[in-house]
């Protein structure tokens, strides 16, 4: 799968998030990379300060980063339908971290 097609899937997954939530997202960028250098099996990563942890002193900081790892996802999926599903799960999972939802809660909700 090409990088541009994969990026379209990430964009489609972001479009599935309700507008009231995407409007609440603040100072965050979503990127696609091949793999994470430290954990080559990692599918996605949120780096930043979750909205629930920001205080009145928050400002002048670089955007939070949500990275979706194309090569890791493609390697674990059997076909295009599986890739579409895994991209959606990964994007929702990482966006949830931006909103301050932790790993345990995500697993309980089925977004592990």
N, C-alpha and C. Protein backbone atom coordinates (compact mmCIF):
# COMPACT_ATOMS: atom_id res chain seq x y z
N UNK A 1 0.85 -1.17 0.00
CA UNK A 1 0.00 0.00 0.00
C UNK A 1 0.90 1.24 0.00
N UNK A 2 0.54 2.21 -0.82
CA UNK A 2 1.35 3.42 -0.93
C UNK A 2 1.17 4.30 0.31
N UNK A 3 2.13 5.18 0.52
CA UNK A 3 2.04 6.12 1.64
C UNK A 3 0.82 7.01 1.49
N UNK A 4 0.55 7.47 0.27
CA UNK A 4 -0.60 8.37 0.09
C UNK A 4 -1.92 7.67 0.38
N UNK A 5 -2.04 6.41 -0.02
CA UNK A 5 -3.27 5.67 0.29
C UNK A 5 -3.40 5.45 1.79
N UNK A 6 -2.30 5.14 2.46
CA UNK A 6 -2.33 4.94 3.90
C UNK A 6 -2.71 6.25 4.60
N UNK A 7 -2.17 7.36 4.14
CA UNK A 7 -2.52 8.66 4.73
C UNK A 7 -4.00 8.97 4.53
N UNK A 8 -4.56 8.55 3.40
CA UNK A 8 -6.01 8.70 3.18
C UNK A 8 -6.80 7.92 4.22
N UNK A 9 -6.33 6.71 4.55
CA UNK A 9 -7.01 5.91 5.56
C UNK A 9 -6.95 6.59 6.93
N UNK A 10 -5.82 7.19 7.24
CA UNK A 10 -5.70 7.93 8.51
C UNK A 10 -6.67 9.11 8.50
N UNK A 11 -6.73 9.82 7.40
CA UNK A 11 -7.66 10.95 7.28
C UNK A 11 -9.11 10.48 7.40
N UNK A 12 -9.43 9.36 6.77
CA UNK A 12 -10.79 8.79 6.87
C UNK A 12 -11.12 8.43 8.31
N UNK A 13 -10.14 7.88 9.03
CA UNK A 13 -10.35 7.51 10.43
C UNK A 13 -10.60 8.76 11.27
N UNK A 14 -9.86 9.82 11.00
CA UNK A 14 -10.09 11.08 11.73
C UNK A 14 -11.48 11.63 11.42
N UNK A 15 -11.94 11.46 10.19
CA UNK A 15 -13.28 11.94 9.80
C UNK A 15 -14.39 11.18 10.53
N UNK A 16 -14.10 9.97 11.02
CA UNK A 16 -15.11 9.19 11.74
C UNK A 16 -15.32 9.68 13.17
N UNK A 17 -14.38 10.46 13.66
CA UNK A 17 -14.49 10.99 15.02
C UNK A 17 -15.55 12.08 15.01
N UNK A 18 -16.47 12.06 15.98
CA UNK A 18 -17.54 13.07 16.00
C UNK A 18 -16.98 14.50 15.96
N UNK A 19 -17.63 15.38 15.20
CA UNK A 19 -17.14 16.76 15.03
C UNK A 19 -16.94 17.50 16.35
N UNK A 20 -17.80 17.25 17.33
CA UNK A 20 -17.64 17.95 18.61
C UNK A 20 -16.33 17.57 19.30
N UNK A 21 -15.84 16.38 19.03
CA UNK A 21 -14.55 15.98 19.59
C UNK A 21 -13.39 16.54 18.78
N UNK A 22 -13.50 16.50 17.46
CA UNK A 22 -12.40 17.04 16.66
C UNK A 22 -12.26 18.55 16.86
N UNK A 23 -13.38 19.23 17.10
CA UNK A 23 -13.30 20.67 17.39
C UNK A 23 -12.58 20.92 18.71
N UNK A 24 -12.67 19.97 19.64
CA UNK A 24 -12.03 20.12 20.95
C UNK A 24 -10.54 19.80 20.91
N UNK A 25 -10.10 19.11 19.87
CA UNK A 25 -8.67 18.80 19.76
C UNK A 25 -7.90 20.10 19.59
N UNK A 26 -6.82 20.23 20.34
CA UNK A 26 -6.10 21.49 20.35
C UNK A 26 -4.60 21.26 20.30
N UNK A 27 -3.95 21.94 19.37
CA UNK A 27 -2.49 21.91 19.26
C UNK A 27 -1.96 20.48 19.12
N UNK A 28 -2.49 19.78 18.14
CA UNK A 28 -2.07 18.39 17.90
C UNK A 28 -1.94 18.17 16.40
N UNK A 29 -0.93 17.41 16.01
CA UNK A 29 -0.71 17.08 14.61
C UNK A 29 -0.71 15.55 14.49
N UNK A 30 -1.24 15.05 13.38
CA UNK A 30 -1.28 13.61 13.13
C UNK A 30 -0.33 13.32 11.97
N UNK A 31 0.61 12.40 12.20
CA UNK A 31 1.64 12.08 11.22
C UNK A 31 1.63 10.59 10.90
N UNK A 32 2.18 10.25 9.74
CA UNK A 32 2.39 8.85 9.37
C UNK A 32 3.90 8.66 9.19
N UNK A 33 4.41 7.62 9.82
CA UNK A 33 5.81 7.24 9.66
C UNK A 33 5.86 5.73 9.43
N UNK A 34 7.03 5.25 9.01
CA UNK A 34 7.18 3.82 8.75
C UNK A 34 7.10 2.98 10.01
N UNK A 35 8.04 3.20 10.90
CA UNK A 35 8.11 2.45 12.16
C UNK A 35 8.65 3.33 13.27
N UNK A 36 8.37 2.93 14.48
CA UNK A 36 8.96 3.56 15.65
C UNK A 36 10.34 2.96 15.85
N UNK A 37 11.34 3.81 16.06
CA UNK A 37 12.72 3.33 16.20
C UNK A 37 12.94 2.50 17.46
N UNK A 38 12.22 2.80 18.52
CA UNK A 38 12.42 2.10 19.78
C UNK A 38 11.60 0.82 19.89
N UNK A 39 10.40 0.81 19.31
CA UNK A 39 9.54 -0.37 19.36
C UNK A 39 8.98 -0.58 17.96
N UNK A 40 9.61 -1.45 17.21
CA UNK A 40 9.28 -1.63 15.79
C UNK A 40 7.89 -2.22 15.56
N UNK A 41 7.26 -2.77 16.61
CA UNK A 41 5.92 -3.33 16.48
C UNK A 41 4.82 -2.35 16.89
N UNK A 42 5.21 -1.17 17.37
CA UNK A 42 4.25 -0.17 17.83
C UNK A 42 3.42 0.33 16.64
N UNK A 43 2.10 0.39 16.83
CA UNK A 43 1.20 0.79 15.75
C UNK A 43 0.94 2.29 15.74
N UNK A 44 0.94 2.89 16.92
CA UNK A 44 0.69 4.32 17.04
C UNK A 44 1.26 4.85 18.33
N UNK A 45 1.44 6.17 18.38
CA UNK A 45 2.03 6.78 19.57
C UNK A 45 1.50 8.20 19.72
N UNK A 46 1.10 8.52 20.96
CA UNK A 46 0.72 9.89 21.31
C UNK A 46 1.83 10.48 22.16
N UNK A 47 2.32 11.64 21.77
CA UNK A 47 3.33 12.34 22.54
C UNK A 47 2.85 13.76 22.77
N UNK A 48 2.74 14.14 24.02
CA UNK A 48 2.31 15.50 24.31
C UNK A 48 1.72 15.62 25.69
N UNK A 49 0.98 16.68 25.88
CA UNK A 49 0.30 16.94 27.15
C UNK A 49 -1.19 16.82 26.88
N UNK A 50 -1.79 15.80 27.48
CA UNK A 50 -3.22 15.54 27.27
C UNK A 50 -4.04 16.77 27.67
N UNK A 51 -5.17 16.95 27.02
CA UNK A 51 -6.04 18.09 27.32
C UNK A 51 -6.41 18.14 28.80
N UNK A 52 -6.58 16.99 29.42
CA UNK A 52 -6.97 16.94 30.83
C UNK A 52 -5.84 17.32 31.78
N UNK A 53 -4.62 17.39 31.27
CA UNK A 53 -3.47 17.73 32.10
C UNK A 53 -2.96 19.15 31.85
N UNK A 54 -3.55 19.86 30.93
CA UNK A 54 -3.11 21.21 30.62
C UNK A 54 -3.64 22.18 31.68
N UNK A 55 -2.77 23.08 32.08
CA UNK A 55 -3.15 24.07 33.07
C UNK A 55 -3.16 25.45 32.42
N UNK A 56 -3.43 26.46 33.21
CA UNK A 56 -3.47 27.82 32.69
C UNK A 56 -2.09 28.29 32.20
N UNK A 57 -1.04 27.59 32.61
CA UNK A 57 0.31 27.96 32.17
C UNK A 57 0.69 27.29 30.84
N UNK A 58 -0.23 26.49 30.29
CA UNK A 58 0.03 25.83 29.01
C UNK A 58 0.04 26.88 27.91
N UNK A 59 1.09 26.91 27.15
CA UNK A 59 1.15 27.84 26.03
C UNK A 59 2.57 27.89 25.48
N UNK A 60 2.68 28.26 24.24
CA UNK A 60 3.97 28.39 23.61
C UNK A 60 4.72 27.08 23.47
N UNK A 61 4.00 25.97 23.39
CA UNK A 61 4.64 24.67 23.26
C UNK A 61 4.41 24.12 21.86
N UNK A 62 5.30 23.25 21.45
CA UNK A 62 5.13 22.58 20.16
C UNK A 62 3.87 21.73 20.19
N UNK A 63 3.27 21.46 19.03
CA UNK A 63 2.06 20.63 19.01
C UNK A 63 2.32 19.22 19.53
N UNK A 64 1.29 18.66 20.17
CA UNK A 64 1.31 17.24 20.49
C UNK A 64 1.41 16.49 19.17
N UNK A 65 1.92 15.25 19.25
CA UNK A 65 2.08 14.44 18.04
C UNK A 65 1.35 13.12 18.20
N UNK A 66 0.55 12.80 17.22
CA UNK A 66 0.00 11.46 17.08
C UNK A 66 0.67 10.88 15.84
N UNK A 67 1.39 9.78 16.04
CA UNK A 67 2.08 9.14 14.92
C UNK A 67 1.46 7.77 14.70
N UNK A 68 1.12 7.49 13.45
CA UNK A 68 0.60 6.18 13.06
C UNK A 68 1.69 5.53 12.22
N UNK A 69 2.05 4.30 12.58
CA UNK A 69 3.18 3.61 11.95
C UNK A 69 2.71 2.66 10.86
N UNK A 70 2.88 3.08 9.63
CA UNK A 70 2.39 2.36 8.46
C UNK A 70 2.98 0.96 8.35
N UNK A 71 4.28 0.82 8.41
CA UNK A 71 4.90 -0.48 8.17
C UNK A 71 4.48 -1.50 9.21
N UNK A 72 4.38 -1.08 10.47
CA UNK A 72 3.97 -2.00 11.53
C UNK A 72 2.53 -2.47 11.32
N UNK A 73 1.66 -1.56 10.92
CA UNK A 73 0.26 -1.93 10.68
C UNK A 73 0.15 -2.85 9.47
N UNK A 74 0.83 -2.50 8.39
CA UNK A 74 0.75 -3.34 7.19
C UNK A 74 1.29 -4.74 7.45
N UNK A 75 2.33 -4.82 8.26
CA UNK A 75 2.92 -6.13 8.56
C UNK A 75 1.98 -7.02 9.35
N UNK A 76 1.18 -6.46 10.22
CA UNK A 76 0.31 -7.28 11.07
C UNK A 76 -1.03 -7.62 10.43
N UNK A 77 -1.39 -6.95 9.33
CA UNK A 77 -2.69 -7.15 8.72
C UNK A 77 -2.62 -8.07 7.51
N UNK A 78 -3.67 -8.86 7.33
CA UNK A 78 -3.72 -9.84 6.24
C UNK A 78 -4.18 -9.24 4.92
N UNK A 79 -4.92 -8.16 4.96
CA UNK A 79 -5.42 -7.57 3.72
C UNK A 79 -5.88 -6.15 3.93
N UNK A 80 -6.35 -5.53 2.85
CA UNK A 80 -6.74 -4.12 2.91
C UNK A 80 -7.86 -3.85 3.91
N UNK A 81 -8.85 -4.73 3.99
CA UNK A 81 -9.96 -4.52 4.94
C UNK A 81 -9.44 -4.48 6.37
N UNK A 82 -8.50 -5.36 6.67
CA UNK A 82 -7.91 -5.40 8.00
C UNK A 82 -7.10 -4.12 8.27
N UNK A 83 -6.41 -3.62 7.24
CA UNK A 83 -5.63 -2.39 7.39
C UNK A 83 -6.57 -1.23 7.71
N UNK A 84 -7.68 -1.12 6.99
CA UNK A 84 -8.65 -0.05 7.23
C UNK A 84 -9.13 -0.09 8.68
N UNK A 85 -9.46 -1.28 9.15
CA UNK A 85 -9.95 -1.45 10.52
C UNK A 85 -8.86 -1.10 11.54
N UNK A 86 -7.65 -1.56 11.33
CA UNK A 86 -6.57 -1.32 12.28
C UNK A 86 -6.17 0.15 12.32
N UNK A 87 -6.17 0.81 11.17
CA UNK A 87 -5.88 2.25 11.14
C UNK A 87 -6.92 3.00 11.96
N UNK A 88 -8.19 2.66 11.78
CA UNK A 88 -9.26 3.33 12.53
C UNK A 88 -9.08 3.11 14.04
N UNK A 89 -8.81 1.89 14.43
CA UNK A 89 -8.61 1.58 15.85
C UNK A 89 -7.41 2.36 16.40
N UNK A 90 -6.33 2.37 15.66
CA UNK A 90 -5.11 3.05 16.12
C UNK A 90 -5.33 4.55 16.24
N UNK A 91 -5.97 5.15 15.26
CA UNK A 91 -6.23 6.59 15.30
C UNK A 91 -7.11 6.94 16.49
N UNK A 92 -8.21 6.22 16.68
CA UNK A 92 -9.10 6.48 17.81
C UNK A 92 -8.35 6.30 19.13
N UNK A 93 -7.56 5.27 19.22
CA UNK A 93 -6.78 4.98 20.42
C UNK A 93 -5.86 6.16 20.77
N UNK A 94 -5.12 6.67 19.80
CA UNK A 94 -4.18 7.75 20.05
C UNK A 94 -4.89 9.08 20.30
N UNK A 95 -5.98 9.34 19.61
CA UNK A 95 -6.77 10.54 19.87
C UNK A 95 -7.33 10.49 21.29
N UNK A 96 -7.72 9.32 21.73
CA UNK A 96 -8.23 9.17 23.10
C UNK A 96 -7.16 9.57 24.11
N UNK A 97 -5.91 9.23 23.85
CA UNK A 97 -4.83 9.67 24.74
C UNK A 97 -4.74 11.19 24.79
N UNK A 98 -4.96 11.85 23.66
CA UNK A 98 -4.96 13.32 23.62
C UNK A 98 -6.03 13.87 24.57
N UNK A 99 -7.13 13.14 24.71
CA UNK A 99 -8.20 13.55 25.61
C UNK A 99 -8.00 13.05 27.04
N UNK A 100 -6.87 12.41 27.29
CA UNK A 100 -6.54 11.99 28.65
C UNK A 100 -7.02 10.61 29.05
N UNK A 101 -7.44 9.81 28.10
CA UNK A 101 -7.91 8.45 28.40
C UNK A 101 -6.70 7.52 28.43
N UNK A 102 -6.55 6.79 29.53
CA UNK A 102 -5.36 5.94 29.70
C UNK A 102 -5.54 4.56 29.06
N UNK A 103 -4.43 3.82 29.02
CA UNK A 103 -4.40 2.49 28.38
C UNK A 103 -5.43 1.53 28.99
N UNK A 104 -5.51 1.49 30.31
CA UNK A 104 -6.43 0.56 30.96
C UNK A 104 -7.86 0.82 30.55
N UNK A 105 -8.25 2.08 30.54
CA UNK A 105 -9.62 2.45 30.17
C UNK A 105 -9.88 2.10 28.70
N UNK A 106 -8.90 2.37 27.84
CA UNK A 106 -9.06 2.02 26.43
C UNK A 106 -9.26 0.52 26.23
N UNK A 107 -8.49 -0.28 26.97
CA UNK A 107 -8.63 -1.73 26.87
C UNK A 107 -10.01 -2.17 27.36
N UNK A 108 -10.47 -1.57 28.45
CA UNK A 108 -11.81 -1.90 28.97
C UNK A 108 -12.90 -1.57 27.96
N UNK A 109 -12.69 -0.50 27.19
CA UNK A 109 -13.67 -0.08 26.19
C UNK A 109 -13.53 -0.82 24.86
N UNK A 110 -12.53 -1.68 24.75
CA UNK A 110 -12.35 -2.45 23.53
C UNK A 110 -11.50 -1.78 22.47
N UNK A 111 -10.78 -0.72 22.86
CA UNK A 111 -9.93 0.00 21.92
C UNK A 111 -8.46 -0.26 22.21
N UNK A 112 -8.17 -1.46 22.71
CA UNK A 112 -6.80 -1.83 23.10
C UNK A 112 -5.90 -1.94 21.97
